Amino acid sequence: MNEAQKTAAAARKAEALLGFYIHLACFGAVMLLLLGLNFTDPEWWVQWPFLGWGLGVVAHWWAVLGGGSEMIARWHSRKVYELKREM
């Protein structure tokens, strides 16, 4: 991998991290707002959006910081190779 490729890969990784951090910050802000709203309601419902969106945040974390990024990169390489062969 040459220097230009390393720079491009690092830029992609930084963009992915930024996207995850923005997702996490939005999740935290909205969940705090929903928790505040839930205190005005006699029924407890805030756990459902927390669990649903929380699964999305965990999946995003796994794709960016966990083992998902390498798996996605391998899938992408295989798919490019397949599509190139079909042409």
C-alpha atoms as a PDB file:
ATOM      1  CA  MET A   1       0.000   0.000   0.000  1.00  0.00           C
ATOM      2  CA  ASN A   2       1.546   3.285  -1.069  1.00  0.00           C
ATOM      3  CA  GLU A   3       1.304   6.596   0.744  1.00  0.00           C
ATOM      4  CA  ALA A   4      -1.670   7.883  -1.295  1.00  0.00           C
ATOM      5  CA  GLN A   5      -3.637   4.713  -0.596  1.00  0.00           C
ATOM      6  CA  LYS A   6      -2.855   4.942   3.119  1.00  0.00           C
ATOM      7  CA  THR A   7      -4.030   8.560   3.150  1.00  0.00           C
ATOM      8  CA  ALA A   8      -7.257   7.656   1.338  1.00  0.00           C
ATOM      9  CA  ALA A   9      -7.907   4.733   3.699  1.00  0.00           C
ATOM     10  CA  ALA A  10      -7.251   6.916   6.743  1.00  0.00           C
ATOM     11  CA  ALA A  11      -9.613   9.583   5.386  1.00  0.00           C
ATOM     12  CA  ARG A  12     -12.360   6.969   4.875  1.00  0.00           C
ATOM     13  CA  LYS A  13     -11.826   5.640   8.404  1.00  0.00           C
ATOM     14  CA  ALA A  14     -11.965   9.181   9.842  1.00  0.00           C
ATOM     15  CA  GLU A  15     -15.234   9.846   7.962  1.00  0.00           C
ATOM     16  CA  ALA A  16     -16.703   6.595   9.281  1.00  0.00           C
ATOM     17  CA  LEU A  17     -15.679   7.497  12.841  1.00  0.00           C
ATOM     18  CA  LEU A  18     -17.160  10.967  12.499  1.00  0.00           C
ATOM     19  CA  GLY A  19     -20.427   9.471  11.253  1.00  0.00           C
ATOM     20  CA  PHE A  20     -20.529   7.105  14.218  1.00  0.00           C
ATOM     21  CA  TYR A  21     -19.817   9.886  16.745  1.00  0.00           C
ATOM     22  CA  ILE A  22     -22.569  12.055  15.232  1.00  0.00           C
ATOM     23  CA  HIS A  23     -24.971   9.087  15.374  1.00  0.00           C
ATOM     24  CA  LEU A  24     -24.051   8.453  19.013  1.00  0.00           C
ATOM     25  CA  ALA A  25     -24.470  12.133  19.967  1.00  0.00           C
ATOM     26  CA  CYS A  26     -27.895  12.329  18.274  1.00  0.00           C
ATOM     27  CA  PHE A  27     -28.930   9.108  20.010  1.00  0.00           C
ATOM     28  CA  GLY A  28     -27.925  10.496  23.412  1.00  0.00           C
ATOM     29  CA  ALA A  29     -29.630  13.858  22.873  1.00  0.00           C
ATOM     30  CA  VAL A  30     -32.894  12.375  21.591  1.00  0.00           C
ATOM     31  CA  MET A  31     -32.988   9.726  24.325  1.00  0.00           C
ATOM     32  CA  LEU A  32     -32.555  12.412  26.992  1.00  0.00           C
ATOM     33  CA  LEU A  33     -35.400  14.387  25.413  1.00  0.00           C
ATOM     34  CA  LEU A  34     -37.623  11.295  25.261  1.00  0.00           C
ATOM     35  CA  LEU A  35     -36.769  10.390  28.845  1.00  0.00           C
ATOM     36  CA  GLY A  36     -37.830  13.877  29.923  1.00  0.00           C
ATOM     37  CA  LEU A  37     -41.065  13.560  27.977  1.00  0.00           C
ATOM     38  CA  ASN A  38     -41.709  10.133  29.457  1.00  0.00           C
ATOM     39  CA  PHE A  39     -41.699  11.582  32.980  1.00  0.00           C
ATOM     40  CA  THR A  40     -44.842  13.559  32.068  1.00  0.00           C
ATOM     41  CA  ASP A  41     -46.634  10.368  30.962  1.00  0.00           C
ATOM     42  CA  PRO A  42     -47.982   7.849  33.502  1.00  0.00           C
ATOM     43  CA  GLU A  43     -46.939   4.902  31.299  1.00  0.00           C
ATOM     44  CA  TRP A  44     -43.310   3.900  30.794  1.00  0.00           C
ATOM     45  CA  TRP A  45     -42.539   3.647  27.047  1.00  0.00           C
ATOM     46  CA  VAL A  46     -39.089   5.162  26.563  1.00  0.00           C
ATOM     47  CA  GLN A  47     -37.318   1.792  26.698  1.00  0.00           C
ATOM     48  CA  TRP A  48     -38.709   0.797  23.270  1.00  0.00           C
ATOM     49  CA  PRO A  49     -37.114   3.599  21.240  1.00  0.00           C
ATOM     50  CA  PHE A  50     -33.979   3.175  23.375  1.00  0.00           C
ATOM     51  CA  LEU A  51     -33.749  -0.538  22.559  1.00  0.00           C
ATOM     52  CA  GLY A  52     -34.594  -0.133  18.880  1.00  0.00           C
ATOM     53  CA  TRP A  53     -32.291   2.760  18.139  1.00  0.00           C
ATOM     54  CA  GLY A  54     -29.701   1.379  20.558  1.00  0.00           C
ATOM     55  CA  LEU A  55     -29.425  -1.754  18.414  1.00  0.00           C
ATOM     56  CA  GLY A  56     -28.775   0.524  15.434  1.00  0.00           C
ATOM     57  CA  VAL A  57     -26.029   2.357  17.336  1.00  0.00           C
ATOM     58  CA  VAL A  58     -24.435  -0.944  18.353  1.00  0.00           C
ATOM     59  CA  ALA A  59     -24.542  -2.174  14.740  1.00  0.00           C
ATOM     60  CA  HIS A  60     -22.973   1.109  13.587  1.00  0.00           C
ATOM     61  CA  TRP A  61     -20.258   0.741  16.242  1.00  0.00           C
ATOM     62  CA  TRP A  62     -19.564  -2.821  15.135  1.00  0.00           C
ATOM     63  CA  ALA A  63     -19.322  -1.796  11.485  1.00  0.00           C
ATOM     64  CA  VAL A  64     -16.910   1.066  12.224  1.00  0.00           C
ATOM     65  CA  LEU A  65     -14.894   0.045  15.281  1.00  0.00           C
ATOM     66  CA  GLY A  66     -15.516  -3.653  15.709  1.00  0.00           C
ATOM     67  CA  GLY A  67     -14.725  -6.410  13.263  1.00  0.00           C
ATOM     68  CA  GLY A  68     -17.300  -5.247  10.764  1.00  0.00           C
ATOM     69  CA  SER A  69     -15.103  -2.855   8.815  1.00  0.00           C
ATOM     70  CA  GLU A  70     -12.737  -5.615   7.666  1.00  0.00           C
ATOM     71  CA  MET A  71     -15.646  -7.899   6.840  1.00  0.00           C
ATOM     72  CA  ILE A  72     -17.335  -5.146   4.839  1.00  0.00           C
ATOM     73  CA  ALA A  73     -14.058  -4.368   3.039  1.00  0.00           C
ATOM     74  CA  ARG A  74     -13.626  -8.047   2.099  1.00  0.00           C
ATOM     75  CA  TRP A  75     -17.214  -8.235   0.859  1.00  0.00           C
ATOM     76  CA  HIS A  76     -16.697  -5.053  -1.173  1.00  0.00           C
ATOM     77  CA  SER A  77     -13.517  -6.428  -2.766  1.00  0.00           C
ATOM     78  CA  ARG A  78     -15.241  -9.701  -3.656  1.00  0.00           C
ATOM     79  CA  LYS A  79     -18.209  -7.859  -5.133  1.00  0.00           C
ATOM     80  CA  VAL A  80     -15.987  -5.586  -7.246  1.00  0.00           C
ATOM     81  CA  TYR A  81     -14.114  -8.653  -8.518  1.00  0.00           C
ATOM     82  CA  GLU A  82     -17.396 -10.431  -9.360  1.00  0.00           C
ATOM     83  CA  LEU A  83     -18.848  -7.447 -11.172  1.00  0.00           C
ATOM     84  CA  LYS A  84     -15.611  -6.896 -13.060  1.00  0.00           C
ATOM     85  CA  ARG A  85     -15.629 -10.533 -14.217  1.00  0.00           C
ATOM     86  CA  GLU A  86     -19.200 -10.159 -15.498  1.00  0.00           C
ATOM     87  CA  MET A  87     -18.285  -7.234 -17.737  1.00  0.00           C
END
